[in-house]
Amino acid sequence: MQLEAVVFDWDLTLWNSWDVHLDLMERTADALGYPRPAAVDLGKQYSRPFFEHLTRFFPGDQGKVVDTYMDLYQAAVWQENRLYSGVLELLRQLKTDGYRTGILSDKRQVFGAPELEFSGLGSLVDQSLFFSDGMAPKPDPTGLQELMRSFGVAPGRCLFVGDSYRDIECARRAGVRSGAALWASVEPERVLALEPEFRWKRVEDVSLALKLGRD
């Protein structure tokens, strides 16, 4: 397997947003007078674009909903670095071994870009593409294809790693190799049903599969 680039999803792949999101959704519900969403229902809807996700549980005044969530988010998210154990070492080794690295996420730019800067991964990621108005969300392959063009890498030499079935389907549509990040996936059965080429239960398994650090 001759790979030149590895692209990652962000949430639940590199960055643990799940625990804080559960808390913020409960607190948003309390502030706005909605019933608290169940974790299992949030998990089923988690891979949706963010505004669709909020609307699903809080269908009222969306300006007020977003402002409430954002205020709570800004107070909570910077309390700790939420990278999964092993992620920093993995990205360092990929760069040392000469891989191009990227992030493709349906997380809104207003959330994702500051989180990436805060994480300390910025210098290890060649290009990040978070969701903004006018973009097509995954599994549309446009964003992944854009990253490959910027890297000058053919689909057969690129790997896309993500926790969601939308990530695996995106890789398939783009003709890219797929890796399932199962260490934090909230929908592992749905992910595995798409038969990704790689299935990893630990971050460290990625390095082993790609034989990183071996000359």
N, C-alpha and C. Protein backbone atom coordinates (compact mmCIF):
# COMPACT_ATOMS: atom_id res chain seq x y z
N MET A 1 0.84 -1.19 0.00
CA MET A 1 0.00 0.00 0.00
C MET A 1 0.87 1.24 0.00
N GLN A 2 0.77 2.03 -1.04
CA GLN A 2 1.56 3.24 -1.17
C GLN A 2 0.67 4.45 -0.92
N LEU A 3 0.73 4.97 0.29
CA LEU A 3 -0.05 6.15 0.64
C LEU A 3 0.84 7.38 0.70
N GLU A 4 0.26 8.52 0.35
CA GLU A 4 0.98 9.78 0.43
C GLU A 4 0.27 10.78 1.35
N ALA A 5 -1.02 10.57 1.60
CA ALA A 5 -1.78 11.52 2.41
C ALA A 5 -2.78 10.79 3.29
N VAL A 6 -2.97 11.33 4.49
CA VAL A 6 -3.99 10.82 5.40
C VAL A 6 -4.84 12.00 5.85
N VAL A 7 -6.14 11.90 5.61
CA VAL A 7 -7.10 12.94 6.00
C VAL A 7 -7.96 12.38 7.12
N PHE A 8 -8.22 13.20 8.12
CA PHE A 8 -9.00 12.78 9.28
C PHE A 8 -10.27 13.62 9.40
N ASP A 9 -11.32 12.98 9.88
CA ASP A 9 -12.44 13.73 10.44
C ASP A 9 -11.96 14.35 11.75
N TRP A 10 -12.74 15.25 12.31
CA TRP A 10 -12.32 15.94 13.54
C TRP A 10 -13.02 15.37 14.78
N ASP A 11 -14.34 15.62 14.88
CA ASP A 11 -15.07 15.19 16.06
C ASP A 11 -15.15 13.67 16.17
N LEU A 12 -14.86 13.14 17.36
CA LEU A 12 -14.91 11.73 17.68
C LEU A 12 -13.90 10.91 16.88
N THR A 13 -12.99 11.60 16.22
CA THR A 13 -11.88 10.94 15.54
C THR A 13 -10.57 11.44 16.13
N LEU A 14 -10.36 12.75 16.11
CA LEU A 14 -9.19 13.35 16.75
C LEU A 14 -9.55 14.06 18.05
N TRP A 15 -10.74 14.65 18.07
CA TRP A 15 -11.14 15.56 19.15
C TRP A 15 -12.39 15.02 19.84
N ASN A 16 -12.33 14.89 21.16
CA ASN A 16 -13.46 14.37 21.94
C ASN A 16 -14.44 15.48 22.24
N SER A 17 -15.44 15.60 21.39
CA SER A 17 -16.48 16.62 21.60
C SER A 17 -17.74 16.02 22.21
N TRP A 18 -17.77 14.71 22.40
CA TRP A 18 -19.03 14.04 22.77
C TRP A 18 -19.49 14.40 24.18
N ASP A 19 -18.61 14.26 25.17
CA ASP A 19 -19.01 14.52 26.55
C ASP A 19 -19.48 15.96 26.74
N VAL A 20 -18.72 16.89 26.19
CA VAL A 20 -19.10 18.29 26.36
C VAL A 20 -20.38 18.59 25.59
N HIS A 21 -20.58 17.94 24.43
CA HIS A 21 -21.81 18.17 23.66
C HIS A 21 -23.03 17.67 24.42
N LEU A 22 -22.93 16.50 25.03
CA LEU A 22 -24.04 15.99 25.83
C LEU A 22 -24.41 17.00 26.92
N ASP A 23 -23.41 17.50 27.60
CA ASP A 23 -23.65 18.47 28.67
C ASP A 23 -24.27 19.75 28.13
N LEU A 24 -23.74 20.24 27.01
CA LEU A 24 -24.25 21.49 26.45
C LEU A 24 -25.68 21.34 25.94
N MET A 25 -26.00 20.20 25.37
CA MET A 25 -27.37 19.99 24.89
C MET A 25 -28.35 19.93 26.06
N GLU A 26 -27.94 19.32 27.17
CA GLU A 26 -28.81 19.28 28.35
C GLU A 26 -29.00 20.69 28.91
N ARG A 27 -27.92 21.43 28.97
CA ARG A 27 -28.00 22.78 29.52
C ARG A 27 -28.78 23.72 28.60
N THR A 28 -28.64 23.52 27.28
CA THR A 28 -29.42 24.30 26.33
C THR A 28 -30.91 24.00 26.49
N ALA A 29 -31.23 22.71 26.64
CA ALA A 29 -32.62 22.32 26.85
C ALA A 29 -33.18 22.97 28.12
N ASP A 30 -32.41 22.94 29.19
CA ASP A 30 -32.86 23.55 30.45
C ASP A 30 -33.09 25.05 30.28
N ALA A 31 -32.17 25.71 29.59
CA ALA A 31 -32.27 27.17 29.43
C ALA A 31 -33.47 27.58 28.59
N LEU A 32 -33.83 26.74 27.62
CA LEU A 32 -34.90 27.10 26.68
C LEU A 32 -36.23 26.42 26.99
N GLY A 33 -36.24 25.56 28.02
CA GLY A 33 -37.49 24.91 28.41
C GLY A 33 -37.87 23.71 27.59
N TYR A 34 -36.90 23.06 26.95
CA TYR A 34 -37.15 21.83 26.21
C TYR A 34 -36.83 20.63 27.10
N PRO A 35 -37.41 19.45 26.79
CA PRO A 35 -36.98 18.24 27.49
C PRO A 35 -35.54 17.91 27.12
N ARG A 36 -34.79 17.37 28.05
CA ARG A 36 -33.41 17.00 27.76
C ARG A 36 -33.35 15.85 26.76
N PRO A 37 -32.55 15.97 25.69
CA PRO A 37 -32.45 14.87 24.73
C PRO A 37 -31.73 13.68 25.36
N ALA A 38 -32.14 12.48 24.98
CA ALA A 38 -31.46 11.27 25.44
C ALA A 38 -30.17 11.08 24.66
N ALA A 39 -29.15 10.57 25.33
CA ALA A 39 -27.85 10.37 24.68
C ALA A 39 -27.97 9.48 23.46
N VAL A 40 -28.80 8.44 23.53
CA VAL A 40 -28.93 7.53 22.39
C VAL A 40 -29.52 8.25 21.18
N ASP A 41 -30.46 9.17 21.40
CA ASP A 41 -31.04 9.94 20.30
C ASP A 41 -30.03 10.94 19.73
N LEU A 42 -29.25 11.56 20.61
CA LEU A 42 -28.21 12.47 20.14
C LEU A 42 -27.19 11.73 19.29
N GLY A 43 -26.85 10.51 19.70
CA GLY A 43 -25.89 9.73 18.93
C GLY A 43 -26.38 9.42 17.53
N LYS A 44 -27.65 9.12 17.39
CA LYS A 44 -28.21 8.80 16.08
C LYS A 44 -28.19 10.00 15.14
N GLN A 45 -28.22 11.20 15.70
CA GLN A 45 -28.28 12.41 14.90
C GLN A 45 -26.95 13.17 14.85
N TYR A 46 -25.92 12.64 15.50
CA TYR A 46 -24.71 13.42 15.73
C TYR A 46 -23.94 13.76 14.45
N SER A 47 -24.02 12.88 13.47
CA SER A 47 -23.24 13.14 12.25
C SER A 47 -23.92 14.12 11.30
N ARG A 48 -25.12 14.57 11.63
CA ARG A 48 -25.77 15.59 10.81
C ARG A 48 -25.02 16.91 10.89
N PRO A 49 -25.12 17.75 9.86
CA PRO A 49 -24.59 19.12 9.99
C PRO A 49 -25.17 19.79 11.24
N PHE A 50 -24.38 20.65 11.86
CA PHE A 50 -24.68 21.15 13.20
C PHE A 50 -26.04 21.82 13.32
N PHE A 51 -26.39 22.70 12.39
CA PHE A 51 -27.65 23.41 12.50
C PHE A 51 -28.83 22.45 12.36
N GLU A 52 -28.70 21.44 11.49
CA GLU A 52 -29.75 20.43 11.38
C GLU A 52 -29.89 19.65 12.68
N HIS A 53 -28.74 19.37 13.29
CA HIS A 53 -28.73 18.64 14.56
C HIS A 53 -29.47 19.43 15.64
N LEU A 54 -29.17 20.72 15.77
CA LEU A 54 -29.86 21.54 16.77
C LEU A 54 -31.35 21.63 16.49
N THR A 55 -31.71 21.83 15.24
CA THR A 55 -33.13 21.97 14.87
C THR A 55 -33.91 20.71 15.20
N ARG A 56 -33.26 19.56 15.04
CA ARG A 56 -33.93 18.28 15.32
C ARG A 56 -34.41 18.22 16.76
N PHE A 57 -33.65 18.77 17.69
CA PHE A 57 -34.01 18.68 19.10
C PHE A 57 -34.64 19.95 19.66
N PHE A 58 -34.33 21.09 19.03
CA PHE A 58 -34.85 22.37 19.50
C PHE A 58 -35.44 23.12 18.30
N PRO A 59 -36.67 22.83 17.93
CA PRO A 59 -37.23 23.35 16.67
C PRO A 59 -37.75 24.78 16.73
N GLY A 60 -37.53 25.49 17.79
CA GLY A 60 -38.06 26.85 17.91
C GLY A 60 -37.20 27.89 17.23
N ASP A 61 -37.11 29.06 17.82
CA ASP A 61 -36.36 30.20 17.30
C ASP A 61 -34.88 29.80 17.19
N GLN A 62 -34.39 29.59 15.97
CA GLN A 62 -33.05 29.05 15.80
C GLN A 62 -31.96 30.06 16.16
N GLY A 63 -32.24 31.33 16.01
CA GLY A 63 -31.27 32.32 16.45
C GLY A 63 -31.04 32.23 17.95
N LYS A 64 -32.12 32.09 18.69
CA LYS A 64 -32.01 31.98 20.15
C LYS A 64 -31.36 30.66 20.55
N VAL A 65 -31.71 29.58 19.84
CA VAL A 65 -31.13 28.27 20.13
C VAL A 65 -29.61 28.31 19.93
N VAL A 66 -29.18 28.81 18.78
CA VAL A 66 -27.75 28.85 18.46
C VAL A 66 -27.01 29.74 19.44
N ASP A 67 -27.57 30.91 19.74
CA ASP A 67 -26.91 31.83 20.68
C ASP A 67 -26.76 31.19 22.06
N THR A 68 -27.79 30.48 22.50
CA THR A 68 -27.74 29.83 23.81
C THR A 68 -26.66 28.76 23.84
N TYR A 69 -26.64 27.92 22.83
CA TYR A 69 -25.64 26.85 22.77
C TYR A 69 -24.24 27.45 22.69
N MET A 70 -24.07 28.45 21.84
CA MET A 70 -22.75 29.05 21.63
C MET A 70 -22.22 29.71 22.90
N ASP A 71 -23.08 30.38 23.64
CA ASP A 71 -22.64 31.00 24.89
C ASP A 71 -22.13 29.94 25.87
N LEU A 72 -22.87 28.85 25.97
CA LEU A 72 -22.46 27.75 26.85
C LEU A 72 -21.18 27.10 26.36
N TYR A 73 -21.08 26.95 25.04
CA TYR A 73 -19.90 26.33 24.43
C TYR A 73 -18.64 27.15 24.72
N GLN A 74 -18.73 28.44 24.52
CA GLN A 74 -17.56 29.30 24.72
C GLN A 74 -17.06 29.27 26.16
N ALA A 75 -17.95 29.02 27.09
CA ALA A 75 -17.56 28.98 28.50
C ALA A 75 -16.97 27.63 28.90
N ALA A 76 -17.28 26.58 28.11
CA ALA A 76 -16.93 25.23 28.54
C ALA A 76 -15.79 24.59 27.76
N VAL A 77 -15.69 24.87 26.47
CA VAL A 77 -14.84 24.04 25.61
C VAL A 77 -13.35 24.22 25.87
N TRP A 78 -12.95 25.37 26.40
CA TRP A 78 -11.52 25.64 26.58
C TRP A 78 -10.99 25.21 27.94
N GLN A 79 -11.79 24.48 28.67
CA GLN A 79 -11.35 24.08 30.00
C GLN A 79 -10.31 22.97 29.97
N GLU A 80 -10.24 22.23 28.86
CA GLU A 80 -9.24 21.17 28.75
C GLU A 80 -9.00 20.85 27.28
N ASN A 81 -7.81 20.31 26.99
CA ASN A 81 -7.50 19.84 25.65
C ASN A 81 -8.18 18.49 25.45
N ARG A 82 -8.97 18.38 24.41
CA ARG A 82 -9.82 17.21 24.23
C ARG A 82 -9.32 16.24 23.15
N LEU A 83 -8.05 16.34 22.78
CA LEU A 83 -7.49 15.35 21.86
C LEU A 83 -7.52 13.97 22.51
N TYR A 84 -7.85 12.97 21.72
CA TYR A 84 -7.79 11.60 22.23
C TYR A 84 -6.33 11.21 22.47
N SER A 85 -6.13 10.37 23.45
CA SER A 85 -4.79 9.88 23.76
C SER A 85 -4.17 9.23 22.53
N GLY A 86 -2.95 9.64 22.21
CA GLY A 86 -2.24 9.07 21.07
C GLY A 86 -2.34 9.86 19.79
N VAL A 87 -3.28 10.81 19.72
CA VAL A 87 -3.48 11.57 18.47
C VAL A 87 -2.28 12.45 18.15
N LEU A 88 -1.77 13.17 19.13
CA LEU A 88 -0.63 14.05 18.89
C LEU A 88 0.56 13.25 18.39
N GLU A 89 0.83 12.11 19.00
CA GLU A 89 1.95 11.26 18.59
C GLU A 89 1.73 10.72 17.18
N LEU A 90 0.49 10.35 16.86
CA LEU A 90 0.18 9.84 15.52
C LEU A 90 0.46 10.89 14.46
N LEU A 91 -0.02 12.11 14.66
CA LEU A 91 0.19 13.17 13.67
C LEU A 91 1.66 13.51 13.54
N ARG A 92 2.39 13.51 14.63
CA ARG A 92 3.83 13.77 14.56
C ARG A 92 4.54 12.72 13.73
N GLN A 93 4.17 11.45 13.93
CA GLN A 93 4.84 10.38 13.20
C GLN A 93 4.48 10.41 11.72
N LEU A 94 3.25 10.74 11.41
CA LEU A 94 2.87 10.88 10.00
C LEU A 94 3.70 11.94 9.31
N LYS A 95 3.89 13.09 9.98
CA LYS A 95 4.70 14.15 9.38
C LYS A 95 6.16 13.73 9.26
N THR A 96 6.68 13.05 10.28
CA THR A 96 8.06 12.58 10.24
C THR A 96 8.27 11.61 9.09
N ASP A 97 7.26 10.80 8.81
CA ASP A 97 7.37 9.81 7.74
C ASP A 97 7.03 10.38 6.37
N GLY A 98 6.72 11.67 6.29
CA GLY A 98 6.55 12.33 5.00
C GLY A 98 5.15 12.35 4.45
N TYR A 99 4.15 12.01 5.23
CA TYR A 99 2.77 12.05 4.74
C TYR A 99 2.24 13.48 4.73
N ARG A 100 1.39 13.76 3.75
CA ARG A 100 0.58 14.97 3.80
C ARG A 100 -0.60 14.67 4.73
N THR A 101 -1.01 15.64 5.52
CA THR A 101 -2.08 15.42 6.48
C THR A 101 -3.15 16.50 6.36
N GLY A 102 -4.40 16.10 6.56
CA GLY A 102 -5.49 17.05 6.46
C GLY A 102 -6.63 16.71 7.39
N ILE A 103 -7.55 17.65 7.54
CA ILE A 103 -8.77 17.46 8.30
C ILE A 103 -9.94 17.87 7.43
N LEU A 104 -10.95 17.01 7.36
CA LEU A 104 -12.20 17.33 6.67
C LEU A 104 -13.33 17.07 7.66
N SER A 105 -14.05 18.12 8.02
CA SER A 105 -15.06 18.00 9.05
C SER A 105 -16.31 18.79 8.68
N ASP A 106 -17.46 18.22 9.05
CA ASP A 106 -18.71 18.95 8.89
C ASP A 106 -18.98 19.88 10.08
N LYS A 107 -18.04 19.95 10.99
CA LYS A 107 -18.17 20.91 12.09
C LYS A 107 -18.02 22.32 11.54
N ARG A 108 -18.83 23.22 12.03
CA ARG A 108 -18.77 24.60 11.56
C ARG A 108 -17.39 25.22 11.81
N GLN A 109 -16.96 26.02 10.86
CA GLN A 109 -15.65 26.68 10.94
C GLN A 109 -15.49 27.46 12.24
N VAL A 110 -16.57 28.09 12.69
CA VAL A 110 -16.52 28.91 13.90
C VAL A 110 -16.17 28.08 15.13
N PHE A 111 -16.51 26.79 15.12
CA PHE A 111 -16.13 25.89 16.20
C PHE A 111 -14.78 25.23 15.92
N GLY A 112 -14.66 24.65 14.72
CA GLY A 112 -13.53 23.78 14.41
C GLY A 112 -12.18 24.47 14.36
N ALA A 113 -12.11 25.62 13.72
CA ALA A 113 -10.81 26.30 13.57
C ALA A 113 -10.20 26.68 14.92
N PRO A 114 -10.98 27.29 15.84
CA PRO A 114 -10.38 27.59 17.16
C PRO A 114 -10.00 26.32 17.93
N GLU A 115 -10.79 25.26 17.80
CA GLU A 115 -10.45 24.02 18.49
C GLU A 115 -9.15 23.44 17.97
N LEU A 116 -8.96 23.49 16.65
CA LEU A 116 -7.71 22.98 16.07
C LEU A 116 -6.52 23.78 16.58
N GLU A 117 -6.65 25.09 16.63
CA GLU A 117 -5.56 25.93 17.15
C GLU A 117 -5.28 25.61 18.61
N PHE A 118 -6.34 25.45 19.39
CA PHE A 118 -6.20 25.17 20.82
C PHE A 118 -5.57 23.80 21.05
N SER A 119 -5.82 22.86 20.16
CA SER A 119 -5.35 21.48 20.33
C SER A 119 -3.84 21.34 20.24
N GLY A 120 -3.18 22.27 19.53
CA GLY A 120 -1.74 22.15 19.31
C GLY A 120 -1.37 21.33 18.10
N LEU A 121 -2.37 20.93 17.29
CA LEU A 121 -2.10 20.13 16.10
C LEU A 121 -1.83 20.97 14.85
N GLY A 122 -2.03 22.29 14.97
CA GLY A 122 -1.98 23.13 13.78
C GLY A 122 -0.75 22.94 12.91
N SER A 123 0.42 22.86 13.52
CA SER A 123 1.66 22.73 12.74
C SER A 123 1.83 21.35 12.14
N LEU A 124 1.00 20.40 12.56
CA LEU A 124 1.11 19.03 12.06
C LEU A 124 0.07 18.71 11.00
N VAL A 125 -0.81 19.67 10.71
CA VAL A 125 -1.86 19.48 9.72
C VAL A 125 -1.61 20.42 8.55
N ASP A 126 -1.44 19.86 7.37
CA ASP A 126 -1.14 20.68 6.20
C ASP A 126 -2.32 21.55 5.79
N GLN A 127 -3.52 21.00 5.89
CA GLN A 127 -4.69 21.77 5.50
C GLN A 127 -5.92 21.24 6.25
N SER A 128 -6.75 22.16 6.72
CA SER A 128 -8.01 21.77 7.38
C SER A 128 -9.17 22.41 6.62
N LEU A 129 -10.25 21.65 6.53
CA LEU A 129 -11.44 22.13 5.84
C LEU A 129 -12.65 21.84 6.72
N PHE A 130 -13.06 22.89 7.46
CA PHE A 130 -14.26 22.79 8.28
C PHE A 130 -15.44 23.38 7.50
N PHE A 131 -16.63 23.04 7.94
CA PHE A 131 -17.83 23.37 7.18
C PHE A 131 -18.11 24.87 7.21
N SER A 132 -18.49 25.39 6.06
CA SER A 132 -18.92 26.79 5.96
C SER A 132 -20.06 26.86 4.95
N ASP A 133 -20.77 27.97 4.95
CA ASP A 133 -21.91 28.14 4.05
C ASP A 133 -21.48 27.92 2.60
N GLY A 134 -22.30 27.19 1.87
CA GLY A 134 -22.01 26.91 0.47
C GLY A 134 -21.33 25.57 0.25
N MET A 135 -20.79 24.97 1.30
CA MET A 135 -20.17 23.67 1.18
C MET A 135 -21.23 22.57 1.21
N ALA A 136 -20.93 21.45 0.57
CA ALA A 136 -21.80 20.28 0.65
C ALA A 136 -21.28 19.38 1.76
N PRO A 137 -22.13 18.98 2.71
CA PRO A 137 -21.65 18.12 3.80
C PRO A 137 -21.35 16.71 3.31
N LYS A 138 -20.55 16.00 4.07
CA LYS A 138 -20.32 14.60 3.80
C LYS A 138 -21.66 13.85 3.89
N PRO A 139 -21.88 12.82 3.09
CA PRO A 139 -20.88 12.07 2.32
C PRO A 139 -20.54 12.62 0.93
N ASP A 140 -21.01 13.82 0.60
CA ASP A 140 -20.57 14.42 -0.66
C ASP A 140 -19.05 14.45 -0.67
N PRO A 141 -18.41 14.00 -1.76
CA PRO A 141 -16.95 13.88 -1.77
C PRO A 141 -16.21 15.16 -2.14
N THR A 142 -16.91 16.26 -2.39
CA THR A 142 -16.28 17.46 -2.92
C THR A 142 -15.14 17.97 -2.03
N GLY A 143 -15.37 18.03 -0.73
CA GLY A 143 -14.34 18.52 0.18
C GLY A 143 -13.11 17.64 0.18
N LEU A 144 -13.29 16.34 0.15
CA LEU A 144 -12.17 15.41 0.13
C LEU A 144 -11.41 15.53 -1.19
N GLN A 145 -12.13 15.69 -2.27
CA GLN A 145 -11.49 15.87 -3.57
C GLN A 145 -10.69 17.17 -3.61
N GLU A 146 -11.22 18.21 -2.97
CA GLU A 146 -10.50 19.49 -2.92
C GLU A 146 -9.18 19.34 -2.16
N LEU A 147 -9.20 18.61 -1.06
CA LEU A 147 -7.96 18.40 -0.31
C LEU A 147 -6.96 17.62 -1.13
N MET A 148 -7.40 16.59 -1.82
CA MET A 148 -6.48 15.80 -2.65
C MET A 148 -5.86 16.65 -3.75
N ARG A 149 -6.65 17.51 -4.35
CA ARG A 149 -6.09 18.39 -5.39
C ARG A 149 -5.04 19.31 -4.80
N SER A 150 -5.30 19.85 -3.63
CA SER A 150 -4.33 20.75 -3.01
C SER A 150 -3.04 20.02 -2.64
N PHE A 151 -3.14 18.73 -2.31
CA PHE A 151 -1.97 17.93 -1.98
C PHE A 151 -1.27 17.39 -3.22
N GLY A 152 -1.97 17.38 -4.35
CA GLY A 152 -1.43 16.76 -5.55
C GLY A 152 -1.34 15.25 -5.41
N VAL A 153 -2.34 14.67 -4.76
CA VAL A 153 -2.34 13.24 -4.45
C VAL A 153 -3.52 12.57 -5.15
N ALA A 154 -3.28 11.42 -5.77
CA ALA A 154 -4.33 10.66 -6.43
C ALA A 154 -5.18 9.93 -5.39
N PRO A 155 -6.45 9.66 -5.69
CA PRO A 155 -7.33 9.00 -4.71
C PRO A 155 -6.76 7.70 -4.16
N GLY A 156 -6.13 6.91 -4.99
CA GLY A 156 -5.60 5.64 -4.53
C GLY A 156 -4.45 5.76 -3.56
N ARG A 157 -3.92 6.96 -3.39
CA ARG A 157 -2.81 7.19 -2.46
C ARG A 157 -3.22 8.03 -1.26
N CYS A 158 -4.54 8.10 -1.04
CA CYS A 158 -5.07 8.89 0.07
C CYS A 158 -5.94 7.99 0.95
N LEU A 159 -5.87 8.21 2.24
CA LEU A 159 -6.67 7.49 3.23
C LEU A 159 -7.50 8.50 4.00
N PHE A 160 -8.80 8.21 4.16
CA PHE A 160 -9.67 9.06 4.96
C PHE A 160 -10.11 8.28 6.19
N VAL A 161 -9.86 8.84 7.37
CA VAL A 161 -10.14 8.18 8.64
C VAL A 161 -11.25 8.93 9.36
N GLY A 162 -12.33 8.22 9.73
CA GLY A 162 -13.42 8.87 10.42
C GLY A 162 -14.26 7.92 11.23
N ASP A 163 -15.08 8.48 12.12
CA ASP A 163 -15.89 7.68 13.05
C ASP A 163 -17.30 7.44 12.57
N SER A 164 -17.73 8.14 11.51
CA SER A 164 -19.12 8.12 11.08
C SER A 164 -19.29 7.36 9.77
N TYR A 165 -20.50 6.83 9.57
CA TYR A 165 -20.80 6.18 8.29
C TYR A 165 -20.70 7.19 7.16
N ARG A 166 -20.94 8.48 7.45
CA ARG A 166 -20.82 9.50 6.41
C ARG A 166 -19.36 9.64 5.95
N ASP A 167 -18.42 9.45 6.86
CA ASP A 167 -17.00 9.50 6.50
C ASP A 167 -16.63 8.34 5.57
N ILE A 168 -17.09 7.15 5.91
CA ILE A 168 -16.76 5.97 5.10
C ILE A 168 -17.40 6.08 3.72
N GLU A 169 -18.63 6.54 3.68
CA GLU A 169 -19.31 6.71 2.40
C GLU A 169 -18.64 7.81 1.58
N CYS A 170 -18.18 8.87 2.23
CA CYS A 170 -17.46 9.94 1.54
C CYS A 170 -16.20 9.39 0.88
N ALA A 171 -15.45 8.59 1.63
CA ALA A 171 -14.24 7.99 1.07
C ALA A 171 -14.57 7.13 -0.14
N ARG A 172 -15.63 6.35 -0.02
CA ARG A 172 -16.03 5.48 -1.13
C ARG A 172 -16.36 6.29 -2.38
N ARG A 173 -17.13 7.35 -2.20
CA ARG A 173 -17.53 8.17 -3.36
C ARG A 173 -16.35 8.87 -4.01
N ALA A 174 -15.33 9.17 -3.20
CA ALA A 174 -14.15 9.85 -3.72
C ALA A 174 -13.11 8.87 -4.27
N GLY A 175 -13.35 7.57 -4.13
CA GLY A 175 -12.37 6.58 -4.58
C GLY A 175 -11.16 6.49 -3.69
N VAL A 176 -11.33 6.88 -2.41
CA VAL A 176 -10.23 6.95 -1.46
C VAL A 176 -10.30 5.76 -0.52
N ARG A 177 -9.17 5.33 0.00
CA ARG A 177 -9.16 4.27 1.01
C ARG A 177 -9.81 4.78 2.29
N SER A 178 -10.47 3.87 3.01
CA SER A 178 -11.25 4.28 4.17
C SER A 178 -10.76 3.57 5.43
N GLY A 179 -10.74 4.32 6.54
CA GLY A 179 -10.37 3.77 7.83
C GLY A 179 -11.40 4.15 8.87
N ALA A 180 -11.94 3.17 9.58
CA ALA A 180 -12.96 3.42 10.59
C ALA A 180 -12.31 3.67 11.94
N ALA A 181 -12.53 4.86 12.48
CA ALA A 181 -12.03 5.23 13.81
C ALA A 181 -13.08 4.82 14.83
N LEU A 182 -12.94 3.63 15.37
CA LEU A 182 -13.98 3.06 16.22
C LEU A 182 -13.77 3.39 17.70
N TRP A 183 -12.67 4.07 18.04
CA TRP A 183 -12.38 4.31 19.45
C TRP A 183 -13.40 5.21 20.13
N ALA A 184 -14.16 5.98 19.38
CA ALA A 184 -15.17 6.84 19.99
C ALA A 184 -16.45 6.92 19.17
N SER A 185 -16.60 6.08 18.18
CA SER A 185 -17.77 6.15 17.30
C SER A 185 -19.05 5.89 18.08
N VAL A 186 -20.10 6.67 17.78
CA VAL A 186 -21.40 6.45 18.40
C VAL A 186 -22.30 5.62 17.50
N GLU A 187 -21.78 5.20 16.34
CA GLU A 187 -22.56 4.39 15.41
C GLU A 187 -21.69 3.31 14.76
N PRO A 188 -20.96 2.51 15.56
CA PRO A 188 -20.02 1.55 14.99
C PRO A 188 -20.66 0.52 14.06
N GLU A 189 -21.88 0.07 14.37
CA GLU A 189 -22.51 -0.93 13.52
C GLU A 189 -22.79 -0.36 12.13
N ARG A 190 -23.23 0.88 12.10
CA ARG A 190 -23.52 1.52 10.81
C ARG A 190 -22.24 1.76 10.02
N VAL A 191 -21.17 2.08 10.73
CA VAL A 191 -19.87 2.28 10.08
C VAL A 191 -19.36 0.97 9.48
N LEU A 192 -19.39 -0.07 10.27
CA LEU A 192 -18.85 -1.36 9.83
C LEU A 192 -19.68 -1.98 8.72
N ALA A 193 -20.96 -1.65 8.65
CA ALA A 193 -21.81 -2.17 7.59
C ALA A 193 -21.35 -1.73 6.21
N LEU A 194 -20.60 -0.63 6.15
CA LEU A 194 -20.08 -0.13 4.87
C LEU A 194 -18.74 -0.77 4.50
N GLU A 195 -18.25 -1.66 5.35
CA GLU A 195 -17.04 -2.43 5.09
C GLU A 195 -15.83 -1.55 4.76
N PRO A 196 -15.44 -0.69 5.70
CA PRO A 196 -14.22 0.12 5.49
C PRO A 196 -13.00 -0.78 5.35
N GLU A 197 -11.99 -0.29 4.65
CA GLU A 197 -10.79 -1.10 4.42
C GLU A 197 -10.03 -1.37 5.72
N PHE A 198 -10.05 -0.39 6.63
CA PHE A 198 -9.37 -0.54 7.92
C PHE A 198 -10.38 -0.32 9.04
N ARG A 199 -10.18 -1.05 10.14
CA ARG A 199 -11.04 -0.92 11.31
C ARG A 199 -10.13 -0.83 12.54
N TRP A 200 -10.18 0.29 13.24
CA TRP A 200 -9.25 0.51 14.34
C TRP A 200 -10.02 0.82 15.62
N LYS A 201 -9.72 0.08 16.69
CA LYS A 201 -10.35 0.31 17.98
C LYS A 201 -9.53 1.24 18.87
N ARG A 202 -8.26 1.46 18.51
CA ARG A 202 -7.39 2.35 19.28
C ARG A 202 -6.66 3.27 18.32
N VAL A 203 -6.35 4.47 18.76
CA VAL A 203 -5.58 5.40 17.95
C VAL A 203 -4.24 4.77 17.55
N GLU A 204 -3.63 4.06 18.49
CA GLU A 204 -2.32 3.46 18.24
C GLU A 204 -2.35 2.43 17.12
N ASP A 205 -3.52 1.86 16.85
CA ASP A 205 -3.63 0.85 15.79
C ASP A 205 -3.37 1.44 14.40
N VAL A 206 -3.62 2.74 14.25
CA VAL A 206 -3.37 3.39 12.96
C VAL A 206 -1.88 3.33 12.62
N SER A 207 -1.05 3.67 13.58
CA SER A 207 0.41 3.64 13.38
C SER A 207 0.88 2.24 13.02
N LEU A 208 0.33 1.24 13.70
CA LEU A 208 0.73 -0.14 13.44
C LEU A 208 0.33 -0.57 12.03
N ALA A 209 -0.89 -0.22 11.62
CA ALA A 209 -1.36 -0.62 10.29
C ALA A 209 -0.56 0.04 9.17
N LEU A 210 -0.17 1.30 9.39
CA LEU A 210 0.57 2.03 8.37
C LEU A 210 2.08 1.85 8.50
N LYS A 211 2.49 1.09 9.53
CA LYS A 211 3.91 0.79 9.76
C LYS A 211 4.73 2.06 9.88
N LEU A 212 4.19 3.00 10.67
CA LEU A 212 4.87 4.27 10.84
C LEU A 212 6.12 4.10 11.69
N GLY A 213 7.13 4.91 11.36
CA GLY A 213 8.37 4.88 12.12
C GLY A 213 9.30 3.74 11.75
N ARG A 214 8.99 3.04 10.67
CA ARG A 214 9.86 1.93 10.24
C ARG A 214 10.52 2.31 8.92
N ASP A 215 11.80 2.25 8.86
CA ASP A 215 12.52 2.58 7.64
C ASP A 215 12.55 1.38 6.71
